């Protein structure tokens, strides 16, 4: 009887972890494609331009020099962004800062989204691997629950410590009931909660009110 009761829970966790693994694989695939399509092409262009420098005996105009410098700067910035996507530089020193860095691209690409962050200046010391799970969960939560339509949506993110536990709250206010229902009743959200709880030994749940949903993550 105990084994029969355990099987549904095991299958649910298995499905959640398979979903998480698939999402991470897709992210790695997209990063690899970006490297091939952007960074490697940029590196090839810079290399060709360096060949031109040697054949032209450095007889370059000021505009040409500035163009090469711009390409090198873009290449450097792309590598910085790539490294931060794979493992944020601030993650080991400041988890709140890592959250801010995660939100920055959302602000640049989605001007219709309004983010309000309530983050402490100092945060407890914890393993970077654990912080990365929480950060990845936040990123997945935003990806799943925020619509792509150009409508005003408010997202409030707060981080605080409750005794010996970390607590991350994410409140999303939707403009209408249709958008609210479409983005709060997805099976992927159950997978995300189960995966977070399994990997962190923490808790994950949400509460709804009118057009608003609040996610609670404890670890």
N, C-alpha and C. Protein backbone atom coordinates (compact mmCIF):
# COMPACT_ATOMS: atom_id res chain seq x y z
N UNK A 1 0.83 -1.21 0.00
CA UNK A 1 0.00 0.00 0.00
C UNK A 1 0.87 1.26 0.00
N UNK A 2 1.94 1.25 0.79
CA UNK A 2 2.85 2.39 0.83
C UNK A 2 3.49 2.64 -0.52
N UNK A 3 3.89 1.57 -1.20
CA UNK A 3 4.50 1.68 -2.52
C UNK A 3 3.53 2.26 -3.52
N UNK A 4 2.25 1.86 -3.45
CA UNK A 4 1.23 2.36 -4.38
C UNK A 4 1.03 3.86 -4.18
N UNK A 5 1.06 4.33 -2.92
CA UNK A 5 0.90 5.76 -2.64
C UNK A 5 2.11 6.55 -3.12
N UNK A 6 3.28 5.92 -3.09
CA UNK A 6 4.52 6.61 -3.44
C UNK A 6 4.66 6.81 -4.94
N UNK A 7 4.12 5.89 -5.75
CA UNK A 7 4.32 5.91 -7.20
C UNK A 7 3.84 7.20 -7.86
N UNK A 8 2.62 7.72 -7.58
CA UNK A 8 2.21 8.98 -8.22
C UNK A 8 3.16 10.13 -7.90
N UNK A 9 3.64 10.20 -6.66
CA UNK A 9 4.57 11.26 -6.29
C UNK A 9 5.88 11.10 -7.04
N UNK A 10 6.37 9.89 -7.14
CA UNK A 10 7.61 9.62 -7.87
C UNK A 10 7.48 10.00 -9.34
N UNK A 11 6.36 9.64 -9.95
CA UNK A 11 6.15 9.94 -11.37
C UNK A 11 6.06 11.44 -11.60
N UNK A 12 5.43 12.14 -10.66
CA UNK A 12 5.32 13.60 -10.81
C UNK A 12 6.69 14.25 -10.72
N UNK A 13 7.52 13.83 -9.75
CA UNK A 13 8.87 14.37 -9.63
C UNK A 13 9.69 14.02 -10.86
N UNK A 14 9.53 12.82 -11.36
CA UNK A 14 10.26 12.39 -12.56
C UNK A 14 9.90 13.27 -13.76
N UNK A 15 8.61 13.53 -13.94
CA UNK A 15 8.16 14.40 -15.04
C UNK A 15 8.70 15.81 -14.87
N UNK A 16 8.71 16.29 -13.63
CA UNK A 16 9.20 17.65 -13.37
C UNK A 16 10.68 17.76 -13.70
N UNK A 17 11.47 16.78 -13.28
CA UNK A 17 12.91 16.81 -13.54
C UNK A 17 13.21 16.65 -15.03
N UNK A 18 12.42 15.83 -15.71
CA UNK A 18 12.59 15.68 -17.16
C UNK A 18 12.29 17.01 -17.86
N UNK A 19 11.24 17.68 -17.39
CA UNK A 19 10.91 18.99 -17.96
C UNK A 19 12.04 19.97 -17.72
N UNK A 20 12.57 20.02 -16.49
CA UNK A 20 13.67 20.93 -16.15
C UNK A 20 14.90 20.64 -17.01
N UNK A 21 15.23 19.37 -17.16
CA UNK A 21 16.38 18.99 -17.97
C UNK A 21 16.20 19.41 -19.42
N UNK A 22 14.98 19.26 -19.93
CA UNK A 22 14.70 19.66 -21.31
C UNK A 22 14.84 21.17 -21.47
N UNK A 23 14.37 21.94 -20.51
CA UNK A 23 14.48 23.40 -20.58
C UNK A 23 15.94 23.85 -20.56
N UNK A 24 16.73 23.21 -19.69
CA UNK A 24 18.14 23.58 -19.61
C UNK A 24 18.87 23.19 -20.90
N UNK A 25 18.50 22.06 -21.49
CA UNK A 25 19.11 21.64 -22.75
C UNK A 25 18.82 22.64 -23.86
N UNK A 26 17.58 23.12 -23.90
CA UNK A 26 17.19 24.11 -24.91
C UNK A 26 17.99 25.39 -24.73
N UNK A 27 18.17 25.81 -23.47
CA UNK A 27 18.94 27.04 -23.20
C UNK A 27 20.38 26.89 -23.66
N UNK A 28 20.98 25.72 -23.39
CA UNK A 28 22.36 25.49 -23.81
C UNK A 28 22.45 25.44 -25.34
N UNK A 29 21.44 24.84 -25.97
CA UNK A 29 21.42 24.78 -27.44
C UNK A 29 21.36 26.19 -28.03
N UNK A 30 20.50 27.05 -27.47
CA UNK A 30 20.38 28.42 -27.98
C UNK A 30 21.66 29.21 -27.77
N UNK A 31 22.33 28.98 -26.63
CA UNK A 31 23.60 29.66 -26.39
C UNK A 31 24.64 29.21 -27.40
N UNK A 32 24.68 27.90 -27.68
CA UNK A 32 25.63 27.38 -28.66
C UNK A 32 25.35 27.95 -30.05
N UNK A 33 24.07 28.06 -30.41
CA UNK A 33 23.71 28.63 -31.70
C UNK A 33 24.12 30.10 -31.77
N UNK A 34 23.95 30.81 -30.67
CA UNK A 34 24.33 32.23 -30.64
C UNK A 34 25.83 32.37 -30.82
N UNK A 35 26.60 31.48 -30.20
CA UNK A 35 28.05 31.51 -30.37
C UNK A 35 28.42 31.28 -31.82
N UNK A 36 27.79 30.29 -32.43
CA UNK A 36 28.10 29.97 -33.83
C UNK A 36 27.67 31.08 -34.79
N UNK A 37 26.48 31.63 -34.53
CA UNK A 37 25.93 32.61 -35.47
C UNK A 37 26.49 34.02 -35.27
N UNK A 38 26.87 34.35 -34.04
CA UNK A 38 27.29 35.72 -33.74
C UNK A 38 28.77 35.82 -33.41
N UNK A 39 29.18 35.20 -32.31
CA UNK A 39 30.54 35.39 -31.82
C UNK A 39 31.59 34.83 -32.78
N UNK A 40 31.35 33.64 -33.30
CA UNK A 40 32.33 33.05 -34.21
C UNK A 40 32.42 33.85 -35.51
N UNK A 41 31.28 34.33 -35.99
CA UNK A 41 31.29 35.16 -37.19
C UNK A 41 32.02 36.47 -36.93
N UNK A 42 31.79 37.03 -35.73
CA UNK A 42 32.48 38.27 -35.36
C UNK A 42 33.98 38.05 -35.26
N UNK A 43 34.37 36.91 -34.68
CA UNK A 43 35.79 36.59 -34.56
C UNK A 43 36.42 36.42 -35.95
N UNK A 44 35.67 35.80 -36.86
CA UNK A 44 36.18 35.62 -38.22
C UNK A 44 36.38 36.98 -38.90
N UNK A 45 35.44 37.89 -38.72
CA UNK A 45 35.55 39.23 -39.32
C UNK A 45 36.74 39.98 -38.77
N UNK A 46 36.93 39.91 -37.46
CA UNK A 46 38.07 40.59 -36.84
C UNK A 46 39.38 40.01 -37.36
N UNK A 47 39.41 38.69 -37.52
CA UNK A 47 40.63 38.03 -38.02
C UNK A 47 40.94 38.48 -39.45
N UNK A 48 39.93 38.59 -40.27
CA UNK A 48 40.14 39.04 -41.65
C UNK A 48 40.63 40.48 -41.67
N UNK A 49 40.07 41.29 -40.77
CA UNK A 49 40.49 42.69 -40.71
C UNK A 49 41.94 42.82 -40.26
N UNK A 50 42.37 41.94 -39.37
CA UNK A 50 43.76 41.94 -38.94
C UNK A 50 44.69 41.55 -40.09
N UNK A 51 44.21 40.65 -40.95
CA UNK A 51 44.99 40.30 -42.14
C UNK A 51 45.16 41.51 -43.05
N UNK A 52 44.09 42.30 -43.14
CA UNK A 52 44.14 43.50 -43.97
C UNK A 52 45.17 44.48 -43.41
N UNK A 53 45.25 44.55 -42.09
CA UNK A 53 46.21 45.45 -41.47
C UNK A 53 47.64 45.14 -41.90
N UNK A 54 47.95 43.86 -41.97
CA UNK A 54 49.32 43.47 -42.33
C UNK A 54 49.62 43.74 -43.81
N UNK A 55 48.63 43.56 -44.65
CA UNK A 55 48.87 43.78 -46.09
C UNK A 55 48.88 45.25 -46.46
N UNK A 56 48.15 46.06 -45.68
CA UNK A 56 48.07 47.50 -45.98
C UNK A 56 49.13 48.31 -45.25
N UNK A 57 50.02 47.62 -44.55
CA UNK A 57 51.10 48.30 -43.81
C UNK A 57 50.58 49.36 -42.85
N UNK A 58 49.41 49.06 -42.25
CA UNK A 58 48.82 49.93 -41.23
C UNK A 58 48.45 51.32 -41.74
N UNK A 59 48.27 51.46 -43.05
CA UNK A 59 47.83 52.74 -43.61
C UNK A 59 46.31 52.81 -43.54
N UNK A 60 45.82 53.11 -42.35
CA UNK A 60 44.39 53.09 -42.12
C UNK A 60 43.86 54.50 -41.88
N UNK A 61 42.65 54.73 -42.34
CA UNK A 61 42.00 56.00 -42.05
C UNK A 61 41.47 55.96 -40.62
N UNK A 62 41.14 57.13 -40.11
CA UNK A 62 40.61 57.21 -38.75
C UNK A 62 39.27 56.48 -38.64
N UNK A 63 38.43 56.60 -39.67
CA UNK A 63 37.13 55.91 -39.66
C UNK A 63 37.30 54.39 -39.63
N UNK A 64 38.27 53.90 -40.41
CA UNK A 64 38.51 52.46 -40.46
C UNK A 64 39.00 51.96 -39.11
N UNK A 65 39.88 52.71 -38.48
CA UNK A 65 40.38 52.33 -37.16
C UNK A 65 39.26 52.28 -36.14
N UNK A 66 38.38 53.27 -36.17
CA UNK A 66 37.26 53.30 -35.24
C UNK A 66 36.31 52.13 -35.47
N UNK A 67 36.16 51.75 -36.72
CA UNK A 67 35.29 50.61 -37.04
C UNK A 67 35.84 49.32 -36.47
N UNK A 68 37.15 49.11 -36.59
CA UNK A 68 37.77 47.91 -36.04
C UNK A 68 37.68 47.90 -34.52
N UNK A 69 37.87 49.06 -33.91
CA UNK A 69 37.75 49.15 -32.46
C UNK A 69 36.32 48.85 -32.01
N UNK A 70 35.35 49.31 -32.78
CA UNK A 70 33.95 49.04 -32.44
C UNK A 70 33.67 47.54 -32.51
N UNK A 71 34.20 46.87 -33.52
CA UNK A 71 33.99 45.42 -33.66
C UNK A 71 34.60 44.67 -32.47
N UNK A 72 35.78 45.08 -32.08
CA UNK A 72 36.44 44.42 -30.94
C UNK A 72 35.65 44.66 -29.66
N UNK A 73 35.15 45.89 -29.47
CA UNK A 73 34.36 46.20 -28.27
C UNK A 73 33.07 45.37 -28.25
N UNK A 74 32.42 45.26 -29.40
CA UNK A 74 31.19 44.46 -29.48
C UNK A 74 31.46 43.00 -29.17
N UNK A 75 32.57 42.52 -29.68
CA UNK A 75 32.95 41.13 -29.44
C UNK A 75 33.19 40.90 -27.94
N UNK A 76 33.90 41.83 -27.32
CA UNK A 76 34.17 41.72 -25.88
C UNK A 76 32.87 41.77 -25.07
N UNK A 77 31.98 42.70 -25.40
CA UNK A 77 30.72 42.81 -24.67
C UNK A 77 29.86 41.56 -24.83
N UNK A 78 29.88 40.98 -26.02
CA UNK A 78 29.11 39.75 -26.26
C UNK A 78 29.63 38.61 -25.40
N UNK A 79 30.94 38.51 -25.27
CA UNK A 79 31.52 37.47 -24.43
C UNK A 79 31.17 37.68 -22.96
N UNK A 80 31.15 38.95 -22.52
CA UNK A 80 30.77 39.25 -21.14
C UNK A 80 29.33 38.83 -20.89
N UNK A 81 28.43 39.16 -21.82
CA UNK A 81 27.02 38.80 -21.67
C UNK A 81 26.85 37.28 -21.68
N UNK A 82 27.59 36.61 -22.53
CA UNK A 82 27.51 35.15 -22.60
C UNK A 82 27.96 34.52 -21.29
N UNK A 83 29.07 34.97 -20.75
CA UNK A 83 29.58 34.41 -19.50
C UNK A 83 28.60 34.65 -18.36
N UNK A 84 27.94 35.82 -18.35
CA UNK A 84 26.96 36.10 -17.30
C UNK A 84 25.71 35.26 -17.44
N UNK A 85 25.34 34.93 -18.67
CA UNK A 85 24.18 34.06 -18.86
C UNK A 85 24.48 32.65 -18.39
N UNK A 86 25.69 32.18 -18.64
CA UNK A 86 26.06 30.83 -18.23
C UNK A 86 26.24 30.74 -16.72
N UNK A 87 26.89 31.74 -16.13
CA UNK A 87 27.07 31.78 -14.68
C UNK A 87 27.37 33.23 -14.30
N UNK A 88 26.39 33.95 -13.75
CA UNK A 88 26.58 35.38 -13.45
C UNK A 88 27.80 35.62 -12.57
N UNK A 89 28.57 36.62 -12.94
CA UNK A 89 29.79 36.93 -12.20
C UNK A 89 29.50 37.33 -10.76
N UNK A 90 28.35 37.98 -10.54
CA UNK A 90 28.02 38.47 -9.21
C UNK A 90 27.39 37.42 -8.31
N UNK A 91 27.13 36.24 -8.86
CA UNK A 91 26.36 35.25 -8.11
C UNK A 91 27.05 34.82 -6.82
N UNK A 92 28.36 34.66 -6.83
CA UNK A 92 29.07 34.19 -5.66
C UNK A 92 29.25 35.28 -4.61
N UNK A 93 29.21 36.54 -5.03
CA UNK A 93 29.45 37.65 -4.10
C UNK A 93 28.17 38.34 -3.65
N UNK A 94 27.18 38.44 -4.54
CA UNK A 94 25.97 39.18 -4.20
C UNK A 94 24.78 38.60 -4.96
N UNK A 95 23.98 37.82 -4.28
CA UNK A 95 22.79 37.23 -4.90
C UNK A 95 21.79 38.32 -5.32
N UNK A 96 21.55 39.36 -4.50
CA UNK A 96 20.65 40.44 -4.95
C UNK A 96 21.13 41.09 -6.24
N UNK A 97 22.43 41.31 -6.38
CA UNK A 97 22.95 41.91 -7.60
C UNK A 97 22.75 40.98 -8.79
N UNK A 98 22.87 39.67 -8.56
CA UNK A 98 22.64 38.70 -9.64
C UNK A 98 21.20 38.77 -10.12
N UNK A 99 20.26 39.01 -9.22
CA UNK A 99 18.86 39.16 -9.60
C UNK A 99 18.69 40.42 -10.46
N UNK A 100 19.32 41.51 -10.06
CA UNK A 100 19.25 42.75 -10.85
C UNK A 100 19.79 42.54 -12.26
N UNK A 101 20.91 41.81 -12.36
CA UNK A 101 21.51 41.54 -13.67
C UNK A 101 20.59 40.67 -14.52
N UNK A 102 19.85 39.76 -13.88
CA UNK A 102 18.90 38.92 -14.60
C UNK A 102 17.76 39.75 -15.18
N UNK A 103 17.33 40.76 -14.43
CA UNK A 103 16.17 41.57 -14.84
C UNK A 103 16.54 42.56 -15.94
N UNK A 104 17.78 43.01 -16.00
CA UNK A 104 18.19 44.04 -16.96
C UNK A 104 17.78 43.73 -18.40
N UNK A 105 18.07 42.53 -18.93
CA UNK A 105 17.65 42.26 -20.32
C UNK A 105 16.13 42.32 -20.51
N UNK A 106 15.38 41.94 -19.49
CA UNK A 106 13.92 42.03 -19.59
C UNK A 106 13.47 43.48 -19.75
N UNK A 107 14.13 44.38 -19.05
CA UNK A 107 13.79 45.80 -19.15
C UNK A 107 14.13 46.36 -20.52
N UNK A 108 15.24 45.91 -21.08
CA UNK A 108 15.68 46.42 -22.38
C UNK A 108 14.78 45.93 -23.51
N UNK A 109 14.37 44.68 -23.43
CA UNK A 109 13.60 44.08 -24.52
C UNK A 109 12.10 44.33 -24.36
N UNK A 110 11.64 44.50 -23.12
CA UNK A 110 10.20 44.62 -22.86
C UNK A 110 9.89 45.92 -22.12
N UNK A 111 9.84 47.04 -22.82
CA UNK A 111 9.58 48.32 -22.16
C UNK A 111 8.18 48.41 -21.55
N UNK A 112 7.28 47.52 -21.94
CA UNK A 112 5.92 47.56 -21.40
C UNK A 112 5.83 46.89 -20.03
N UNK A 113 6.91 46.23 -19.59
CA UNK A 113 6.93 45.59 -18.28
C UNK A 113 7.51 46.55 -17.24
N UNK A 114 6.85 46.61 -16.10
CA UNK A 114 7.33 47.45 -15.01
C UNK A 114 7.79 46.56 -13.86
N UNK A 115 9.07 46.63 -13.53
CA UNK A 115 9.63 45.84 -12.45
C UNK A 115 9.87 46.72 -11.23
N UNK A 116 9.45 46.20 -10.10
CA UNK A 116 9.77 46.85 -8.82
C UNK A 116 10.55 45.84 -7.98
N UNK A 117 11.79 46.18 -7.63
CA UNK A 117 12.66 45.27 -6.90
C UNK A 117 12.85 45.74 -5.47
N UNK A 118 12.65 44.84 -4.55
CA UNK A 118 12.89 45.10 -3.14
C UNK A 118 13.94 44.10 -2.67
N UNK A 119 15.20 44.48 -2.82
CA UNK A 119 16.31 43.56 -2.57
C UNK A 119 17.22 44.13 -1.49
N UNK A 120 17.70 43.28 -0.59
CA UNK A 120 18.61 43.76 0.45
C UNK A 120 19.99 44.07 -0.12
N UNK A 121 20.71 44.94 0.56
CA UNK A 121 22.08 45.26 0.14
C UNK A 121 23.00 44.08 0.42
N UNK A 122 22.81 43.46 1.56
CA UNK A 122 23.65 42.32 1.95
C UNK A 122 22.80 41.06 1.97
N UNK A 123 23.43 39.96 1.65
CA UNK A 123 22.75 38.67 1.65
C UNK A 123 23.65 37.63 2.31
N UNK A 124 23.03 36.62 2.85
CA UNK A 124 23.76 35.57 3.55
C UNK A 124 24.68 34.82 2.60
N UNK A 125 25.70 34.21 3.15
CA UNK A 125 26.59 33.38 2.34
C UNK A 125 25.96 32.00 2.14
N UNK A 126 25.91 31.57 0.91
CA UNK A 126 25.40 30.24 0.60
C UNK A 126 26.10 29.72 -0.65
N UNK A 127 25.96 28.44 -0.88
CA UNK A 127 26.63 27.83 -2.02
C UNK A 127 26.12 28.45 -3.32
N UNK A 128 27.06 28.73 -4.22
CA UNK A 128 26.70 29.34 -5.50
C UNK A 128 25.79 28.42 -6.31
N UNK A 129 25.98 27.11 -6.18
CA UNK A 129 25.15 26.16 -6.90
C UNK A 129 23.69 26.28 -6.47
N UNK A 130 23.48 26.52 -5.17
CA UNK A 130 22.11 26.68 -4.67
C UNK A 130 21.50 27.99 -5.17
N UNK A 131 22.29 29.06 -5.14
CA UNK A 131 21.82 30.35 -5.65
C UNK A 131 21.48 30.26 -7.13
N UNK A 132 22.26 29.49 -7.88
CA UNK A 132 22.02 29.35 -9.32
C UNK A 132 20.68 28.67 -9.59
N UNK A 133 20.31 27.69 -8.76
CA UNK A 133 19.02 27.02 -8.91
C UNK A 133 17.89 28.01 -8.69
N UNK A 134 18.01 28.83 -7.64
CA UNK A 134 16.97 29.83 -7.36
C UNK A 134 16.88 30.84 -8.49
N UNK A 135 18.03 31.30 -8.97
CA UNK A 135 18.06 32.29 -10.05
C UNK A 135 17.47 31.70 -11.34
N UNK A 136 17.81 30.46 -11.64
CA UNK A 136 17.27 29.80 -12.83
C UNK A 136 15.77 29.60 -12.71
N UNK A 137 15.31 29.30 -11.51
CA UNK A 137 13.87 29.14 -11.28
C UNK A 137 13.14 30.46 -11.52
N UNK A 138 13.73 31.56 -11.02
CA UNK A 138 13.14 32.88 -11.25
C UNK A 138 13.07 33.20 -12.74
N UNK A 139 14.14 32.90 -13.45
CA UNK A 139 14.16 33.16 -14.90
C UNK A 139 13.09 32.35 -15.62
N UNK A 140 12.95 31.07 -15.27
CA UNK A 140 11.94 30.22 -15.89
C UNK A 140 10.54 30.72 -15.54
N UNK A 141 10.36 31.16 -14.30
CA UNK A 141 9.05 31.65 -13.88
C UNK A 141 8.64 32.87 -14.69
N UNK A 142 9.57 33.79 -14.89
CA UNK A 142 9.26 34.98 -15.69
C UNK A 142 9.00 34.61 -17.15
N UNK A 143 9.79 33.68 -17.67
CA UNK A 143 9.63 33.27 -19.07
C UNK A 143 8.26 32.65 -19.31
N UNK A 144 7.80 31.85 -18.36
CA UNK A 144 6.53 31.14 -18.52
C UNK A 144 5.33 32.06 -18.27
N UNK A 145 5.42 32.90 -17.26
CA UNK A 145 4.23 33.64 -16.81
C UNK A 145 4.06 35.02 -17.43
N UNK A 146 5.10 35.56 -18.06
CA UNK A 146 4.96 36.88 -18.67
C UNK A 146 4.60 36.75 -20.14
N UNK A 147 3.48 37.32 -20.57
CA UNK A 147 3.07 37.21 -21.98
C UNK A 147 3.95 38.06 -22.89
N UNK A 148 3.92 37.71 -24.16
CA UNK A 148 4.72 38.45 -25.15
C UNK A 148 3.95 39.63 -25.74
N UNK A 149 2.68 39.73 -25.42
CA UNK A 149 1.90 40.84 -25.96
C UNK A 149 2.32 42.14 -25.30
N UNK A 150 2.17 43.24 -26.02
CA UNK A 150 2.59 44.55 -25.52
C UNK A 150 1.49 45.15 -24.65
N UNK A 151 1.46 44.71 -23.41
CA UNK A 151 0.49 45.24 -22.46
C UNK A 151 1.19 45.51 -21.14
N UNK A 152 0.69 46.51 -20.43
CA UNK A 152 1.33 46.91 -19.19
C UNK A 152 1.15 45.84 -18.11
N UNK A 153 2.26 45.35 -17.59
CA UNK A 153 2.24 44.35 -16.52
C UNK A 153 3.25 44.77 -15.46
N UNK A 154 2.85 44.65 -14.20
CA UNK A 154 3.71 45.02 -13.09
C UNK A 154 4.22 43.77 -12.39
N UNK A 155 5.53 43.71 -12.18
CA UNK A 155 6.16 42.58 -11.50
C UNK A 155 6.93 43.11 -10.30
N UNK A 156 6.58 42.64 -9.12
CA UNK A 156 7.26 43.03 -7.89
C UNK A 156 8.05 41.83 -7.37
N UNK A 157 9.34 42.00 -7.20
CA UNK A 157 10.21 40.93 -6.73
C UNK A 157 10.87 41.37 -5.43
N UNK A 158 10.70 40.57 -4.39
CA UNK A 158 11.30 40.89 -3.10
C UNK A 158 12.10 39.69 -2.60
N UNK A 159 13.20 40.01 -1.94
CA UNK A 159 14.08 38.98 -1.38
C UNK A 159 14.33 39.31 0.08
N UNK A 160 14.13 38.34 0.95
CA UNK A 160 14.39 38.56 2.37
C UNK A 160 14.72 37.24 3.04
N UNK A 161 15.20 37.35 4.24
CA UNK A 161 15.57 36.16 5.00
C UNK A 161 14.62 35.99 6.17
N UNK A 162 14.06 34.78 6.28
CA UNK A 162 13.17 34.43 7.38
C UNK A 162 13.89 33.41 8.26
N UNK A 163 14.46 33.91 9.36
CA UNK A 163 15.27 33.07 10.24
C UNK A 163 16.42 32.46 9.44
N UNK A 164 16.43 31.15 9.27
CA UNK A 164 17.53 30.51 8.54
C UNK A 164 17.15 30.17 7.11
N UNK A 165 16.05 30.72 6.61
CA UNK A 165 15.59 30.43 5.25
C UNK A 165 15.58 31.69 4.40
N UNK A 166 15.88 31.51 3.12
CA UNK A 166 15.73 32.59 2.18
C UNK A 166 14.32 32.58 1.61
N UNK A 167 13.78 33.76 1.34
CA UNK A 167 12.43 33.86 0.78
C UNK A 167 12.44 34.82 -0.40
N UNK A 168 11.95 34.33 -1.53
CA UNK A 168 11.83 35.14 -2.74
C UNK A 168 10.36 35.19 -3.14
N UNK A 169 9.80 36.38 -3.19
CA UNK A 169 8.40 36.57 -3.59
C UNK A 169 8.36 37.25 -4.96
N UNK A 170 7.51 36.74 -5.82
CA UNK A 170 7.32 37.32 -7.15
C UNK A 170 5.83 37.58 -7.35
N UNK A 171 5.45 38.84 -7.39
CA UNK A 171 4.05 39.22 -7.59
C UNK A 171 3.86 39.77 -8.99
N UNK A 172 2.92 39.21 -9.71
CA UNK A 172 2.64 39.63 -11.09
C UNK A 172 1.19 40.08 -11.18
N UNK A 173 0.98 41.30 -11.65
CA UNK A 173 -0.37 41.85 -11.82
C UNK A 173 -0.70 41.91 -13.30
N UNK A 174 -1.71 41.15 -13.72
CA UNK A 174 -2.10 41.08 -15.12
C UNK A 174 -3.20 42.10 -15.43
N UNK A 175 -3.31 42.52 -16.69
CA UNK A 175 -4.27 43.57 -17.04
C UNK A 175 -5.71 43.08 -17.15
N UNK A 176 -5.92 41.77 -17.39
CA UNK A 176 -7.28 41.27 -17.57
C UNK A 176 -7.34 39.80 -17.18
N UNK A 177 -8.53 39.29 -17.06
CA UNK A 177 -8.74 37.92 -16.58
C UNK A 177 -8.25 36.89 -17.58
N UNK A 178 -8.37 37.17 -18.88
CA UNK A 178 -7.93 36.21 -19.89
C UNK A 178 -6.43 35.99 -19.83
N UNK A 179 -5.68 37.08 -19.78
CA UNK A 179 -4.22 36.97 -19.68
C UNK A 179 -3.83 36.28 -18.38
N UNK A 180 -4.55 36.60 -17.32
CA UNK A 180 -4.27 36.00 -16.01
C UNK A 180 -4.45 34.49 -16.06
N UNK A 181 -5.56 34.03 -16.57
CA UNK A 181 -5.85 32.59 -16.61
C UNK A 181 -4.87 31.85 -17.51
N UNK A 182 -4.55 32.44 -18.65
CA UNK A 182 -3.65 31.77 -19.61
C UNK A 182 -2.26 31.54 -19.04
N UNK A 183 -1.83 32.41 -18.14
CA UNK A 183 -0.44 32.35 -17.67
C UNK A 183 -0.31 31.87 -16.22
N UNK A 184 -1.40 31.41 -15.63
CA UNK A 184 -1.31 30.87 -14.26
C UNK A 184 -1.86 29.45 -14.17
N UNK A 185 -2.27 28.88 -15.29
CA UNK A 185 -2.84 27.52 -15.27
C UNK A 185 -2.06 26.57 -16.16
N UNK A 186 -0.78 26.83 -16.36
CA UNK A 186 0.04 25.99 -17.22
C UNK A 186 0.67 24.85 -16.42
N UNK A 187 0.72 23.63 -16.98
CA UNK A 187 1.32 22.50 -16.26
C UNK A 187 2.81 22.70 -15.99
N UNK A 188 3.48 23.51 -16.83
CA UNK A 188 4.90 23.77 -16.61
C UNK A 188 5.17 24.42 -15.25
N UNK A 189 4.20 25.16 -14.74
CA UNK A 189 4.39 25.81 -13.44
C UNK A 189 4.44 24.79 -12.31
N UNK A 190 3.64 23.71 -12.44
CA UNK A 190 3.71 22.64 -11.44
C UNK A 190 5.07 21.94 -11.51
N UNK A 191 5.56 21.73 -12.73
CA UNK A 191 6.88 21.12 -12.90
C UNK A 191 7.96 22.00 -12.26
N UNK A 192 7.82 23.30 -12.47
CA UNK A 192 8.81 24.24 -11.93
C UNK A 192 8.83 24.19 -10.40
N UNK A 193 7.65 24.17 -9.79
CA UNK A 193 7.56 24.10 -8.33
C UNK A 193 8.17 22.80 -7.81
N UNK A 194 7.80 21.69 -8.43
CA UNK A 194 8.30 20.39 -7.98
C UNK A 194 9.82 20.32 -8.11
N UNK A 195 10.34 20.82 -9.21
CA UNK A 195 11.79 20.78 -9.43
C UNK A 195 12.51 21.63 -8.40
N UNK A 196 12.00 22.84 -8.15
CA UNK A 196 12.62 23.72 -7.17
C UNK A 196 12.65 23.06 -5.79
N UNK A 197 11.54 22.48 -5.39
CA UNK A 197 11.46 21.85 -4.08
C UNK A 197 12.39 20.65 -3.97
N UNK A 198 12.49 19.89 -5.05
CA UNK A 198 13.34 18.70 -5.03
C UNK A 198 14.81 19.08 -4.98
N UNK A 199 15.21 20.08 -5.76
CA UNK A 199 16.63 20.44 -5.87
C UNK A 199 17.12 21.26 -4.68
N UNK A 200 16.24 22.01 -4.02
CA UNK A 200 16.66 22.86 -2.92
C UNK A 200 16.20 22.36 -1.55
N UNK A 201 15.36 21.33 -1.56
CA UNK A 201 14.71 20.87 -0.31
C UNK A 201 13.92 22.02 0.32
N UNK A 202 13.38 22.88 -0.53
CA UNK A 202 12.63 24.03 -0.05
C UNK A 202 11.15 23.90 -0.35
N UNK A 203 10.48 25.05 -0.44
CA UNK A 203 9.04 25.08 -0.72
C UNK A 203 8.77 26.08 -1.83
N UNK A 204 7.73 25.79 -2.62
CA UNK A 204 7.32 26.68 -3.70
C UNK A 204 5.81 26.56 -3.86
N UNK A 205 5.12 27.70 -3.80
CA UNK A 205 3.67 27.70 -4.00
C UNK A 205 3.25 29.11 -4.42
N UNK A 206 1.99 29.25 -4.80
CA UNK A 206 1.49 30.56 -5.21
C UNK A 206 0.07 30.76 -4.73
N UNK A 207 -0.33 32.04 -4.66
CA UNK A 207 -1.69 32.42 -4.29
C UNK A 207 -2.20 33.45 -5.28
N UNK A 208 -3.47 33.38 -5.60
CA UNK A 208 -4.06 34.30 -6.58
C UNK A 208 -5.14 35.16 -5.94
N UNK A 209 -5.32 36.33 -6.51
CA UNK A 209 -6.36 37.26 -6.06
C UNK A 209 -6.68 38.19 -7.22
N UNK A 210 -7.92 38.11 -7.72
CA UNK A 210 -8.35 38.91 -8.87
C UNK A 210 -7.42 38.63 -10.06
N UNK A 211 -6.72 39.64 -10.55
CA UNK A 211 -5.81 39.46 -11.70
C UNK A 211 -4.36 39.35 -11.25
N UNK A 212 -4.15 39.01 -9.99
CA UNK A 212 -2.81 39.03 -9.43
C UNK A 212 -2.43 37.65 -8.92
N UNK A 213 -1.16 37.29 -9.09
CA UNK A 213 -0.63 36.03 -8.55
C UNK A 213 0.68 36.35 -7.82
N UNK A 214 0.86 35.73 -6.68
CA UNK A 214 2.08 35.90 -5.90
C UNK A 214 2.73 34.53 -5.71
N UNK A 215 3.98 34.43 -6.15
CA UNK A 215 4.76 33.20 -6.00
C UNK A 215 5.66 33.33 -4.78
N UNK A 216 5.73 32.25 -4.02
CA UNK A 216 6.56 32.20 -2.81
C UNK A 216 7.58 31.07 -2.94
N UNK A 217 8.84 31.42 -2.84
CA UNK A 217 9.92 30.43 -2.89
C UNK A 217 10.71 30.51 -1.59
N UNK A 218 10.81 29.38 -0.90
CA UNK A 218 11.58 29.29 0.34
C UNK A 218 12.67 28.23 0.17
N UNK A 219 13.86 28.53 0.65
CA UNK A 219 14.94 27.55 0.60
C UNK A 219 15.94 27.77 1.72
